[in-house]
N, C-alpha and C. Protein backbone atom coordinates (compact mmCIF):
# COMPACT_ATOMS: atom_id res chain seq x y z
N UNK A 1 -3.26 -10.63 3.57
CA UNK A 1 -2.50 -9.91 2.60
C UNK A 1 -2.20 -8.49 3.04
N UNK A 2 -1.69 -8.36 4.20
CA UNK A 2 -1.47 -7.04 4.73
C UNK A 2 -0.37 -6.26 3.99
N UNK A 3 0.49 -7.00 3.24
CA UNK A 3 1.56 -6.31 2.52
C UNK A 3 1.03 -5.46 1.38
N UNK A 4 -0.21 -5.76 0.95
CA UNK A 4 -0.76 -5.03 -0.19
C UNK A 4 -1.46 -3.77 0.27
N UNK A 5 -0.70 -2.78 0.64
CA UNK A 5 -1.29 -1.50 0.99
C UNK A 5 -1.82 -0.83 -0.27
N UNK A 6 -1.11 -1.01 -1.39
CA UNK A 6 -1.54 -0.57 -2.69
C UNK A 6 -1.26 -1.71 -3.63
N UNK A 7 -2.09 -1.95 -4.67
CA UNK A 7 -3.39 -1.32 -4.86
C UNK A 7 -4.49 -2.06 -4.13
N UNK A 8 -5.59 -1.39 -3.88
CA UNK A 8 -6.77 -1.98 -3.30
C UNK A 8 -7.90 -1.80 -4.28
N UNK A 9 -8.80 -2.82 -4.33
CA UNK A 9 -9.95 -2.71 -5.20
C UNK A 9 -11.19 -2.86 -4.32
N UNK A 10 -12.07 -1.88 -4.33
CA UNK A 10 -13.22 -1.92 -3.46
C UNK A 10 -14.34 -2.70 -4.13
N UNK A 11 -14.90 -3.66 -3.42
CA UNK A 11 -15.97 -4.46 -3.95
C UNK A 11 -17.11 -4.37 -2.97
N UNK A 12 -18.21 -3.80 -3.39
CA UNK A 12 -19.31 -3.51 -2.47
C UNK A 12 -20.24 -4.73 -2.40
N UNK A 13 -20.68 -4.99 -1.18
CA UNK A 13 -21.39 -6.21 -0.85
C UNK A 13 -22.39 -6.61 -1.93
N UNK A 14 -22.16 -7.79 -2.50
CA UNK A 14 -23.07 -8.43 -3.44
C UNK A 14 -23.36 -7.58 -4.67
N UNK A 15 -22.54 -6.59 -4.93
CA UNK A 15 -22.77 -5.77 -6.13
C UNK A 15 -21.82 -6.12 -7.25
N UNK A 16 -20.56 -6.35 -6.88
CA UNK A 16 -19.57 -6.59 -7.92
C UNK A 16 -18.47 -7.48 -7.36
N UNK A 17 -17.97 -8.38 -8.15
CA UNK A 17 -16.85 -9.21 -7.74
C UNK A 17 -15.80 -9.14 -8.81
N UNK A 18 -14.59 -9.61 -8.50
CA UNK A 18 -13.54 -9.57 -9.51
C UNK A 18 -13.95 -10.36 -10.72
N UNK A 19 -14.75 -11.42 -10.54
CA UNK A 19 -15.15 -12.21 -11.68
C UNK A 19 -15.99 -11.46 -12.67
N UNK A 20 -16.69 -10.40 -12.24
CA UNK A 20 -17.51 -9.62 -13.17
C UNK A 20 -16.94 -8.26 -13.48
N UNK A 21 -15.90 -7.88 -12.73
CA UNK A 21 -15.29 -6.53 -12.88
C UNK A 21 -14.80 -6.33 -14.30
N UNK A 22 -15.32 -5.31 -14.96
CA UNK A 22 -14.88 -4.92 -16.28
C UNK A 22 -14.94 -6.06 -17.28
N UNK A 23 -15.83 -7.00 -17.05
CA UNK A 23 -15.84 -8.20 -17.89
C UNK A 23 -16.07 -7.86 -19.35
N UNK A 24 -16.90 -6.81 -19.62
CA UNK A 24 -17.17 -6.48 -21.01
C UNK A 24 -15.95 -5.99 -21.74
N UNK A 25 -14.99 -5.43 -21.00
CA UNK A 25 -13.82 -4.87 -21.64
C UNK A 25 -12.61 -5.76 -21.54
N UNK A 26 -12.58 -6.65 -20.55
CA UNK A 26 -11.34 -7.33 -20.24
C UNK A 26 -11.33 -8.83 -20.34
N UNK A 27 -12.46 -9.48 -20.38
CA UNK A 27 -12.48 -10.93 -20.58
C UNK A 27 -11.74 -11.72 -19.53
N UNK A 28 -11.90 -11.34 -18.25
CA UNK A 28 -11.35 -12.18 -17.17
C UNK A 28 -12.08 -13.51 -17.17
N UNK A 29 -11.34 -14.59 -16.96
CA UNK A 29 -11.93 -15.92 -16.80
C UNK A 29 -11.61 -16.37 -15.37
N UNK A 30 -12.64 -16.43 -14.52
CA UNK A 30 -12.44 -16.77 -13.12
C UNK A 30 -12.72 -18.25 -12.91
N UNK A 31 -11.83 -18.93 -12.21
CA UNK A 31 -12.01 -20.35 -11.86
C UNK A 31 -11.51 -20.53 -10.42
N UNK A 32 -12.43 -20.49 -9.49
CA UNK A 32 -12.04 -20.60 -8.09
C UNK A 32 -11.19 -19.42 -7.66
N UNK A 33 -10.00 -19.70 -7.16
CA UNK A 33 -9.11 -18.65 -6.70
C UNK A 33 -8.09 -18.28 -7.77
N UNK A 34 -8.42 -18.56 -9.03
CA UNK A 34 -7.52 -18.22 -10.14
C UNK A 34 -8.27 -17.42 -11.21
N UNK A 35 -7.52 -16.52 -11.85
CA UNK A 35 -8.07 -15.76 -12.96
C UNK A 35 -7.11 -15.90 -14.15
N UNK A 36 -7.66 -16.20 -15.30
CA UNK A 36 -6.86 -16.23 -16.52
C UNK A 36 -7.16 -14.97 -17.33
N UNK A 37 -6.10 -14.31 -17.73
CA UNK A 37 -6.25 -13.07 -18.51
C UNK A 37 -5.09 -12.93 -19.49
N UNK A 38 -5.37 -12.74 -20.76
CA UNK A 38 -4.34 -12.59 -21.79
C UNK A 38 -3.30 -13.69 -21.77
N UNK A 39 -3.75 -14.92 -21.53
CA UNK A 39 -2.86 -16.07 -21.58
C UNK A 39 -2.07 -16.34 -20.31
N UNK A 40 -2.24 -15.52 -19.29
CA UNK A 40 -1.54 -15.71 -18.01
C UNK A 40 -2.53 -16.11 -16.93
N UNK A 41 -2.08 -16.91 -15.97
CA UNK A 41 -2.93 -17.36 -14.88
C UNK A 41 -2.48 -16.70 -13.57
N UNK A 42 -3.42 -16.05 -12.91
CA UNK A 42 -3.15 -15.31 -11.69
C UNK A 42 -3.82 -16.01 -10.52
N UNK A 43 -3.03 -16.30 -9.46
CA UNK A 43 -3.54 -16.81 -8.23
C UNK A 43 -3.98 -15.64 -7.36
N UNK A 44 -5.20 -15.74 -6.78
CA UNK A 44 -5.75 -14.65 -6.02
C UNK A 44 -5.61 -14.89 -4.51
N UNK A 45 -5.48 -13.80 -3.79
CA UNK A 45 -5.51 -13.87 -2.32
C UNK A 45 -6.93 -14.11 -1.88
N UNK A 46 -7.07 -14.40 -0.58
CA UNK A 46 -8.42 -14.48 -0.01
C UNK A 46 -8.95 -13.06 0.17
N UNK A 47 -10.29 -12.85 0.02
CA UNK A 47 -10.87 -11.52 0.25
C UNK A 47 -10.56 -11.05 1.66
N UNK A 48 -10.40 -9.75 1.80
CA UNK A 48 -10.04 -9.17 3.09
C UNK A 48 -11.29 -8.85 3.91
N UNK A 49 -11.07 -8.44 5.14
CA UNK A 49 -12.15 -8.15 6.07
C UNK A 49 -12.89 -6.88 5.64
N UNK A 50 -14.07 -6.66 6.25
CA UNK A 50 -14.86 -5.49 5.93
C UNK A 50 -14.09 -4.20 6.22
N UNK A 51 -14.35 -3.18 5.36
CA UNK A 51 -13.69 -1.89 5.52
C UNK A 51 -14.59 -0.85 4.87
N UNK A 52 -14.23 0.40 5.04
CA UNK A 52 -14.99 1.49 4.48
C UNK A 52 -14.25 2.09 3.29
N UNK A 53 -14.93 2.22 2.18
CA UNK A 53 -14.30 2.72 0.96
C UNK A 53 -14.24 4.24 0.93
N UNK A 54 -13.62 4.77 -0.13
CA UNK A 54 -13.48 6.21 -0.25
C UNK A 54 -14.81 6.89 -0.47
N UNK A 55 -15.84 6.14 -0.88
CA UNK A 55 -17.16 6.74 -1.08
C UNK A 55 -17.98 6.67 0.20
N UNK A 56 -17.40 6.10 1.25
CA UNK A 56 -18.14 6.00 2.50
C UNK A 56 -18.97 4.75 2.65
N UNK A 57 -18.97 3.90 1.61
CA UNK A 57 -19.73 2.66 1.68
C UNK A 57 -18.89 1.57 2.36
N UNK A 58 -19.58 0.73 3.09
CA UNK A 58 -18.90 -0.36 3.75
C UNK A 58 -18.98 -1.60 2.86
N UNK A 59 -17.82 -2.18 2.61
CA UNK A 59 -17.79 -3.38 1.77
C UNK A 59 -16.63 -4.25 2.16
N UNK A 60 -16.04 -4.92 1.21
CA UNK A 60 -14.87 -5.71 1.50
C UNK A 60 -13.84 -5.51 0.40
N UNK A 61 -12.57 -5.57 0.74
CA UNK A 61 -11.55 -5.50 -0.26
C UNK A 61 -11.58 -6.78 -1.07
N UNK A 62 -11.44 -6.65 -2.39
CA UNK A 62 -11.47 -7.81 -3.24
C UNK A 62 -10.19 -8.59 -3.12
N UNK A 63 -10.27 -9.86 -3.54
CA UNK A 63 -9.07 -10.65 -3.71
C UNK A 63 -8.19 -9.98 -4.75
N UNK A 64 -6.87 -10.02 -4.51
CA UNK A 64 -5.94 -9.45 -5.47
C UNK A 64 -4.95 -10.53 -5.92
N UNK A 65 -4.42 -10.41 -7.14
CA UNK A 65 -3.44 -11.40 -7.62
C UNK A 65 -2.18 -11.40 -6.73
N UNK A 66 -1.70 -12.58 -6.41
CA UNK A 66 -0.46 -12.71 -5.63
C UNK A 66 0.63 -13.50 -6.37
N UNK A 67 0.20 -14.25 -7.40
CA UNK A 67 1.15 -14.98 -8.24
C UNK A 67 0.70 -14.91 -9.68
N UNK A 68 1.66 -14.90 -10.63
CA UNK A 68 1.37 -15.03 -12.05
C UNK A 68 2.16 -16.20 -12.60
N UNK A 69 1.47 -17.18 -13.12
CA UNK A 69 2.10 -18.37 -13.67
C UNK A 69 3.09 -18.99 -12.67
N UNK A 70 2.69 -18.98 -11.40
CA UNK A 70 3.50 -19.59 -10.36
C UNK A 70 4.58 -18.71 -9.80
N UNK A 71 4.75 -17.49 -10.32
CA UNK A 71 5.76 -16.56 -9.80
C UNK A 71 5.12 -15.49 -8.93
N UNK A 72 5.82 -15.13 -7.84
CA UNK A 72 5.30 -14.14 -6.94
C UNK A 72 5.15 -12.79 -7.61
N UNK A 73 4.03 -12.09 -7.27
CA UNK A 73 3.86 -10.72 -7.71
C UNK A 73 4.24 -9.84 -6.55
N UNK A 74 5.20 -8.96 -6.79
CA UNK A 74 5.74 -8.11 -5.70
C UNK A 74 4.83 -6.91 -5.50
N UNK A 75 4.58 -6.56 -4.24
CA UNK A 75 3.76 -5.39 -3.94
C UNK A 75 4.48 -4.10 -4.34
N UNK A 76 3.72 -3.10 -4.69
CA UNK A 76 4.31 -1.80 -5.12
C UNK A 76 5.20 -1.22 -4.04
N UNK A 77 4.86 -1.49 -2.77
CA UNK A 77 5.63 -0.94 -1.67
C UNK A 77 6.93 -1.68 -1.43
N UNK A 78 7.13 -2.82 -2.10
CA UNK A 78 8.31 -3.63 -1.87
C UNK A 78 9.36 -3.52 -2.99
N UNK A 79 9.03 -2.88 -4.08
CA UNK A 79 10.03 -2.75 -5.15
C UNK A 79 11.04 -1.67 -4.78
N UNK A 80 12.25 -1.81 -5.27
CA UNK A 80 13.26 -0.77 -5.03
C UNK A 80 13.30 0.22 -6.20
N UNK A 81 12.85 -0.21 -7.38
CA UNK A 81 12.73 0.67 -8.54
C UNK A 81 11.36 0.47 -9.16
N UNK A 82 10.59 1.53 -9.30
CA UNK A 82 9.27 1.43 -9.90
C UNK A 82 9.35 1.30 -11.42
N UNK A 83 8.31 0.68 -12.00
CA UNK A 83 8.19 0.62 -13.45
C UNK A 83 7.89 2.02 -13.99
N UNK A 84 8.60 2.44 -15.02
CA UNK A 84 8.38 3.75 -15.61
C UNK A 84 8.46 3.64 -17.13
N UNK A 85 8.03 4.67 -17.83
CA UNK A 85 8.19 4.73 -19.27
C UNK A 85 8.84 6.09 -19.60
N UNK A 86 10.01 6.00 -20.20
CA UNK A 86 10.81 7.20 -20.51
C UNK A 86 10.98 8.06 -19.26
N UNK A 87 11.12 7.43 -18.12
CA UNK A 87 11.33 8.16 -16.88
C UNK A 87 10.08 8.73 -16.25
N UNK A 88 8.94 8.55 -16.88
CA UNK A 88 7.69 9.14 -16.36
C UNK A 88 6.77 8.03 -15.85
N UNK A 89 5.77 8.44 -15.06
CA UNK A 89 4.80 7.48 -14.52
C UNK A 89 3.80 7.06 -15.58
N UNK A 90 3.15 5.92 -15.32
CA UNK A 90 2.13 5.43 -16.26
C UNK A 90 0.97 6.41 -16.31
N UNK A 91 0.63 7.04 -15.17
CA UNK A 91 -0.46 8.03 -15.20
C UNK A 91 -0.17 9.16 -16.18
N UNK A 92 1.06 9.66 -16.14
CA UNK A 92 1.46 10.74 -17.05
C UNK A 92 1.41 10.30 -18.49
N UNK A 93 1.89 9.10 -18.75
CA UNK A 93 1.86 8.55 -20.11
C UNK A 93 0.43 8.49 -20.66
N UNK A 94 -0.49 7.97 -19.85
CA UNK A 94 -1.87 7.86 -20.32
C UNK A 94 -2.49 9.21 -20.58
N UNK A 95 -2.26 10.18 -19.68
CA UNK A 95 -2.85 11.51 -19.87
C UNK A 95 -2.32 12.18 -21.12
N UNK A 96 -1.03 12.00 -21.42
CA UNK A 96 -0.46 12.62 -22.63
C UNK A 96 -1.00 11.96 -23.88
N UNK A 97 -1.10 10.62 -23.87
CA UNK A 97 -1.61 9.92 -25.04
C UNK A 97 -3.07 10.23 -25.29
N UNK A 98 -3.84 10.38 -24.22
CA UNK A 98 -5.25 10.69 -24.38
C UNK A 98 -5.42 12.09 -24.99
N UNK A 99 -4.48 12.96 -24.82
CA UNK A 99 -4.57 14.29 -25.35
C UNK A 99 -4.82 14.27 -26.85
N UNK A 100 -4.15 13.36 -27.57
CA UNK A 100 -4.36 13.28 -29.01
C UNK A 100 -5.78 12.94 -29.33
N UNK A 101 -6.39 12.01 -28.58
CA UNK A 101 -7.77 11.63 -28.81
C UNK A 101 -8.73 12.74 -28.46
N UNK A 102 -8.41 13.45 -27.39
CA UNK A 102 -9.31 14.52 -26.95
C UNK A 102 -9.40 15.65 -27.97
N UNK A 103 -8.30 15.88 -28.66
CA UNK A 103 -8.30 17.01 -29.63
C UNK A 103 -9.27 16.74 -30.76
N UNK A 104 -9.48 15.46 -31.10
CA UNK A 104 -10.37 15.13 -32.22
C UNK A 104 -11.72 14.61 -31.73
N UNK A 105 -11.92 14.60 -30.42
CA UNK A 105 -13.16 14.08 -29.88
C UNK A 105 -14.18 15.19 -29.62
N UNK A 106 -15.37 14.80 -29.25
CA UNK A 106 -16.44 15.75 -28.99
C UNK A 106 -16.77 15.85 -27.50
N UNK A 107 -15.82 15.58 -26.66
CA UNK A 107 -16.06 15.69 -25.23
C UNK A 107 -16.32 17.12 -24.85
N UNK A 108 -17.32 17.35 -24.02
CA UNK A 108 -17.51 18.69 -23.47
C UNK A 108 -16.36 19.03 -22.53
N UNK A 109 -16.08 20.30 -22.42
CA UNK A 109 -15.12 20.75 -21.41
C UNK A 109 -15.61 20.30 -20.03
N UNK A 110 -14.71 19.98 -19.16
CA UNK A 110 -15.10 19.58 -17.82
C UNK A 110 -13.99 18.79 -17.15
N UNK A 111 -14.33 18.19 -16.01
CA UNK A 111 -13.39 17.42 -15.23
C UNK A 111 -13.79 15.95 -15.29
N UNK A 112 -12.80 15.12 -15.57
CA UNK A 112 -13.00 13.67 -15.73
C UNK A 112 -12.08 12.90 -14.81
N UNK A 113 -12.43 11.65 -14.57
CA UNK A 113 -11.50 10.74 -13.89
C UNK A 113 -11.58 9.38 -14.55
N UNK A 114 -10.45 8.69 -14.54
CA UNK A 114 -10.33 7.38 -15.16
C UNK A 114 -10.12 6.36 -14.07
N UNK A 115 -11.02 5.38 -13.99
CA UNK A 115 -10.92 4.38 -12.92
C UNK A 115 -10.08 3.20 -13.41
N UNK A 116 -8.78 3.34 -13.26
CA UNK A 116 -7.83 2.31 -13.65
C UNK A 116 -6.93 2.02 -12.46
N UNK A 117 -6.79 0.76 -12.14
CA UNK A 117 -6.03 0.38 -10.95
C UNK A 117 -5.54 -1.06 -11.09
N UNK A 118 -4.81 -1.53 -10.08
CA UNK A 118 -4.29 -2.91 -10.01
C UNK A 118 -3.50 -3.25 -11.27
N UNK A 119 -2.66 -2.34 -11.70
CA UNK A 119 -1.81 -2.58 -12.88
C UNK A 119 -0.59 -3.42 -12.47
N UNK A 120 -0.38 -4.49 -13.19
CA UNK A 120 0.77 -5.39 -12.95
C UNK A 120 1.64 -5.44 -14.21
N UNK A 121 2.95 -5.28 -14.05
CA UNK A 121 3.89 -5.41 -15.14
C UNK A 121 4.77 -6.65 -14.90
N UNK A 122 5.22 -7.24 -16.03
CA UNK A 122 6.08 -8.41 -15.91
C UNK A 122 7.56 -8.01 -15.94
N UNK A 123 8.45 -8.97 -16.01
CA UNK A 123 9.86 -8.70 -15.95
C UNK A 123 10.39 -7.93 -17.18
N UNK A 124 9.60 -7.91 -18.24
CA UNK A 124 9.97 -7.16 -19.43
C UNK A 124 9.33 -5.78 -19.49
N UNK A 125 8.53 -5.45 -18.48
CA UNK A 125 7.90 -4.15 -18.45
C UNK A 125 6.58 -4.10 -19.22
N UNK A 126 6.05 -5.27 -19.58
CA UNK A 126 4.76 -5.33 -20.28
C UNK A 126 3.64 -5.34 -19.26
N UNK A 127 2.56 -4.60 -19.53
CA UNK A 127 1.38 -4.63 -18.66
C UNK A 127 0.64 -5.94 -18.92
N UNK A 128 0.57 -6.78 -17.90
CA UNK A 128 -0.04 -8.08 -18.05
C UNK A 128 -1.40 -8.20 -17.38
N UNK A 129 -1.73 -7.20 -16.55
CA UNK A 129 -3.01 -7.25 -15.82
C UNK A 129 -3.35 -5.85 -15.37
N UNK A 130 -4.66 -5.55 -15.40
CA UNK A 130 -5.14 -4.27 -14.86
C UNK A 130 -6.63 -4.41 -14.67
N UNK A 131 -7.20 -3.53 -13.88
CA UNK A 131 -8.65 -3.48 -13.69
C UNK A 131 -9.12 -2.09 -14.05
N UNK A 132 -10.09 -2.04 -14.94
CA UNK A 132 -10.54 -0.78 -15.51
C UNK A 132 -12.07 -0.72 -15.47
N UNK A 133 -12.61 0.35 -14.84
CA UNK A 133 -14.05 0.44 -14.72
C UNK A 133 -14.65 1.64 -15.43
N UNK A 134 -13.84 2.32 -16.24
CA UNK A 134 -14.43 3.34 -17.06
C UNK A 134 -13.99 4.76 -16.76
N UNK A 135 -14.66 5.70 -17.43
CA UNK A 135 -14.37 7.10 -17.32
C UNK A 135 -15.64 7.83 -16.84
N UNK A 136 -15.47 8.76 -15.88
CA UNK A 136 -16.60 9.50 -15.34
C UNK A 136 -16.37 11.01 -15.47
N UNK A 137 -17.46 11.74 -15.60
CA UNK A 137 -17.40 13.21 -15.69
C UNK A 137 -18.07 13.82 -14.47
N UNK A 138 -17.45 14.85 -13.90
CA UNK A 138 -18.05 15.51 -12.74
C UNK A 138 -19.12 16.48 -13.18
N UNK A 139 -20.30 16.35 -12.55
CA UNK A 139 -21.44 17.19 -12.86
C UNK A 139 -21.52 18.34 -11.84
N UNK A 140 -22.29 19.36 -12.15
CA UNK A 140 -22.52 20.42 -11.16
C UNK A 140 -23.07 19.79 -9.87
N UNK A 141 -22.52 20.21 -8.76
CA UNK A 141 -22.96 19.63 -7.49
C UNK A 141 -22.01 18.55 -7.00
N UNK A 142 -21.10 18.12 -7.86
CA UNK A 142 -20.07 17.18 -7.42
C UNK A 142 -20.32 15.72 -7.68
N UNK A 143 -21.48 15.38 -8.29
CA UNK A 143 -21.75 14.00 -8.63
C UNK A 143 -20.98 13.60 -9.90
N UNK A 144 -20.80 12.30 -10.09
CA UNK A 144 -20.04 11.80 -11.25
C UNK A 144 -20.93 10.96 -12.14
N UNK A 145 -20.84 11.19 -13.44
CA UNK A 145 -21.63 10.44 -14.44
C UNK A 145 -20.70 9.61 -15.28
N UNK A 146 -21.01 8.32 -15.42
CA UNK A 146 -20.19 7.43 -16.24
C UNK A 146 -20.35 7.78 -17.72
N UNK A 147 -19.21 7.95 -18.42
CA UNK A 147 -19.23 8.26 -19.84
C UNK A 147 -18.43 7.21 -20.60
N UNK A 148 -18.42 6.00 -20.11
CA UNK A 148 -17.58 4.96 -20.65
C UNK A 148 -18.01 4.50 -22.04
N UNK A 149 -19.20 4.92 -22.49
CA UNK A 149 -19.59 4.54 -23.85
C UNK A 149 -18.93 5.42 -24.90
N UNK A 150 -18.19 6.44 -24.48
CA UNK A 150 -17.49 7.28 -25.43
C UNK A 150 -16.37 6.48 -26.10
N UNK A 151 -16.18 6.63 -27.43
CA UNK A 151 -15.14 5.87 -28.13
C UNK A 151 -13.76 6.00 -27.53
N UNK A 152 -13.47 7.13 -26.91
CA UNK A 152 -12.14 7.31 -26.35
C UNK A 152 -11.84 6.32 -25.22
N UNK A 153 -12.89 5.83 -24.58
CA UNK A 153 -12.68 4.87 -23.48
C UNK A 153 -11.97 3.63 -23.96
N UNK A 154 -12.23 3.22 -25.19
CA UNK A 154 -11.58 2.02 -25.72
C UNK A 154 -10.08 2.24 -25.95
N UNK A 155 -9.65 3.48 -25.97
CA UNK A 155 -8.22 3.77 -26.16
C UNK A 155 -7.39 3.29 -24.96
N UNK A 156 -8.01 3.19 -23.80
CA UNK A 156 -7.25 2.79 -22.60
C UNK A 156 -6.64 1.42 -22.80
N UNK A 157 -7.44 0.47 -23.30
CA UNK A 157 -6.94 -0.91 -23.49
C UNK A 157 -5.79 -0.91 -24.47
N UNK A 158 -5.92 -0.17 -25.57
CA UNK A 158 -4.84 -0.14 -26.57
C UNK A 158 -3.58 0.49 -25.99
N UNK A 159 -3.71 1.57 -25.20
CA UNK A 159 -2.56 2.19 -24.58
C UNK A 159 -1.81 1.21 -23.70
N UNK A 160 -2.56 0.45 -22.92
CA UNK A 160 -1.92 -0.48 -21.98
C UNK A 160 -1.35 -1.70 -22.72
N UNK A 161 -1.96 -2.07 -23.82
CA UNK A 161 -1.45 -3.19 -24.60
C UNK A 161 -0.15 -2.82 -25.31
N UNK A 162 -0.06 -1.60 -25.79
CA UNK A 162 1.08 -1.18 -26.59
C UNK A 162 2.29 -0.73 -25.77
N UNK A 163 2.06 -0.28 -24.55
CA UNK A 163 3.13 0.33 -23.76
C UNK A 163 4.18 -0.71 -23.35
N UNK A 164 5.43 -0.33 -23.40
CA UNK A 164 6.52 -1.14 -22.86
C UNK A 164 7.30 -0.26 -21.88
N UNK A 165 7.29 -0.66 -20.64
CA UNK A 165 7.87 0.15 -19.57
C UNK A 165 9.23 -0.43 -19.18
N UNK A 166 10.01 0.40 -18.49
CA UNK A 166 11.15 -0.14 -17.78
C UNK A 166 10.60 -0.93 -16.59
N UNK A 167 10.97 -2.19 -16.47
CA UNK A 167 10.31 -3.02 -15.44
C UNK A 167 10.65 -2.59 -14.02
N UNK A 168 9.74 -2.92 -13.13
CA UNK A 168 10.03 -2.73 -11.72
C UNK A 168 11.16 -3.68 -11.31
N UNK A 169 11.92 -3.27 -10.29
CA UNK A 169 13.07 -4.10 -9.89
C UNK A 169 13.13 -4.20 -8.36
N UNK A 170 13.69 -5.28 -7.92
CA UNK A 170 14.06 -5.47 -6.53
C UNK A 170 15.54 -5.75 -6.46
N UNK A 171 16.31 -4.87 -5.86
CA UNK A 171 17.76 -5.00 -5.78
C UNK A 171 18.37 -5.21 -7.17
N UNK A 172 17.85 -4.46 -8.15
CA UNK A 172 18.42 -4.50 -9.48
C UNK A 172 17.88 -5.59 -10.39
N UNK A 173 17.07 -6.48 -9.86
CA UNK A 173 16.53 -7.60 -10.63
C UNK A 173 15.09 -7.30 -11.06
N UNK A 174 14.80 -7.39 -12.40
CA UNK A 174 13.41 -7.18 -12.85
C UNK A 174 12.46 -8.19 -12.24
N UNK A 175 11.28 -7.77 -11.84
CA UNK A 175 10.32 -8.62 -11.20
C UNK A 175 8.91 -8.35 -11.75
N UNK A 176 8.02 -9.31 -11.53
CA UNK A 176 6.60 -9.08 -11.77
C UNK A 176 6.09 -8.29 -10.58
N UNK A 177 5.45 -7.17 -10.83
CA UNK A 177 5.10 -6.30 -9.71
C UNK A 177 3.89 -5.48 -9.98
N UNK A 178 3.19 -5.11 -8.90
CA UNK A 178 2.15 -4.12 -8.97
C UNK A 178 2.75 -2.75 -9.17
N UNK A 179 2.07 -1.94 -9.96
CA UNK A 179 2.37 -0.50 -9.99
C UNK A 179 1.47 0.16 -8.97
N UNK A 180 1.90 1.32 -8.47
CA UNK A 180 1.04 2.04 -7.54
C UNK A 180 0.11 3.01 -8.27
N UNK A 181 -0.29 2.61 -9.47
CA UNK A 181 -1.19 3.42 -10.29
C UNK A 181 -2.62 3.41 -9.73
N UNK A 182 -3.14 4.57 -9.47
CA UNK A 182 -4.55 4.79 -9.22
C UNK A 182 -4.96 5.99 -10.05
N UNK A 183 -5.38 5.74 -11.28
CA UNK A 183 -5.69 6.88 -12.15
C UNK A 183 -6.82 7.73 -11.60
N UNK A 184 -7.72 7.12 -10.80
CA UNK A 184 -8.80 7.95 -10.27
C UNK A 184 -8.35 8.82 -9.11
N UNK A 185 -7.06 8.78 -8.76
CA UNK A 185 -6.52 9.78 -7.84
C UNK A 185 -6.39 11.14 -8.50
N UNK A 186 -6.52 11.17 -9.81
CA UNK A 186 -6.25 12.40 -10.56
C UNK A 186 -7.51 12.93 -11.22
N UNK A 187 -7.61 14.26 -11.24
CA UNK A 187 -8.68 14.92 -11.99
C UNK A 187 -8.11 15.38 -13.33
N UNK A 188 -8.76 14.97 -14.40
CA UNK A 188 -8.32 15.30 -15.75
C UNK A 188 -9.25 16.41 -16.27
N UNK A 189 -8.71 17.60 -16.43
CA UNK A 189 -9.52 18.74 -16.87
C UNK A 189 -9.38 18.93 -18.37
N UNK A 190 -10.53 18.94 -19.06
CA UNK A 190 -10.56 19.12 -20.52
C UNK A 190 -11.06 20.53 -20.86
N UNK A 191 -10.30 21.23 -21.66
CA UNK A 191 -10.68 22.58 -22.12
C UNK A 191 -10.29 22.71 -23.58
N UNK A 192 -11.28 23.09 -24.40
CA UNK A 192 -11.07 23.21 -25.84
C UNK A 192 -10.55 21.90 -26.42
N UNK A 193 -11.13 20.78 -25.93
CA UNK A 193 -10.81 19.44 -26.42
C UNK A 193 -9.34 19.05 -26.22
N UNK A 194 -8.73 19.59 -25.20
CA UNK A 194 -7.37 19.21 -24.85
C UNK A 194 -7.26 19.14 -23.32
N UNK A 195 -6.34 18.31 -22.85
CA UNK A 195 -6.13 18.23 -21.41
C UNK A 195 -5.41 19.49 -20.96
N UNK A 196 -6.08 20.29 -20.17
CA UNK A 196 -5.49 21.52 -19.67
C UNK A 196 -4.90 21.37 -18.31
N UNK A 197 -5.29 20.32 -17.56
CA UNK A 197 -4.75 20.09 -16.24
C UNK A 197 -4.89 18.60 -15.89
N UNK A 198 -3.91 18.11 -15.17
CA UNK A 198 -3.91 16.72 -14.71
C UNK A 198 -3.40 16.76 -13.28
N UNK A 199 -4.33 16.87 -12.32
CA UNK A 199 -3.94 17.20 -10.96
C UNK A 199 -4.35 16.12 -9.97
N UNK A 200 -3.50 15.90 -8.98
CA UNK A 200 -3.78 14.94 -7.94
C UNK A 200 -4.94 15.43 -7.07
N UNK A 201 -5.92 14.56 -6.85
CA UNK A 201 -7.01 14.83 -5.91
C UNK A 201 -6.59 14.23 -4.58
N UNK A 202 -6.17 15.07 -3.67
CA UNK A 202 -5.55 14.58 -2.43
C UNK A 202 -6.52 13.78 -1.57
N UNK A 203 -7.82 14.11 -1.62
CA UNK A 203 -8.79 13.37 -0.82
C UNK A 203 -8.89 11.91 -1.28
N UNK A 204 -8.98 11.72 -2.61
CA UNK A 204 -9.08 10.35 -3.12
C UNK A 204 -7.76 9.62 -2.94
N UNK A 205 -6.63 10.32 -3.10
CA UNK A 205 -5.32 9.68 -2.93
C UNK A 205 -5.17 9.20 -1.51
N UNK A 206 -5.61 9.99 -0.53
CA UNK A 206 -5.51 9.60 0.87
C UNK A 206 -6.36 8.37 1.19
N UNK A 207 -7.51 8.28 0.50
CA UNK A 207 -8.42 7.16 0.74
C UNK A 207 -7.81 5.83 0.26
N UNK A 208 -6.86 5.89 -0.67
CA UNK A 208 -6.24 4.70 -1.19
C UNK A 208 -5.09 4.20 -0.38
N UNK A 209 -4.68 4.95 0.63
CA UNK A 209 -3.51 4.58 1.42
C UNK A 209 -3.87 3.57 2.50
């Protein structure tokens, strides 16, 4: 699956597989090389060879969906028009929508990241698949602490369920396609319970290429 430069999902040896990834939040049903999610069946590629992740750990790239209900899923690098919402990226949409929740939440000020990736949209621009591993906060010294038990974390699923995007296209034709969304490429800075900055972390972005 060399065409899938993006997205990549890192699966560390014997720690996590797509069958267990985000199972508590997403209800993936794995059956051999197929996954059923939200009424759709996804055919998976074979796992890729060993590689080194952005954290420096050696693992293997997970299998990724290559078909949905028998139709090819186009790689993000192969679309001629990306999926957008009101002309903006999905990352921007999520950060703006989360702002409303942050204003009424009790999150401490700080820097956060959202681990959301492998987003697939269908020909109507509906999000039909994604992989979500939670929200983390950066601690002094640069370590990250998972804060996914915060009620705001559940907003991610609703945001993705409700959103309707302009679909990705190839030569003007809507297609089922990966988005090049890697929310954890971005640092989300919270100040006074509002998003004060949403900035690309170039080191993490480079690791996903």
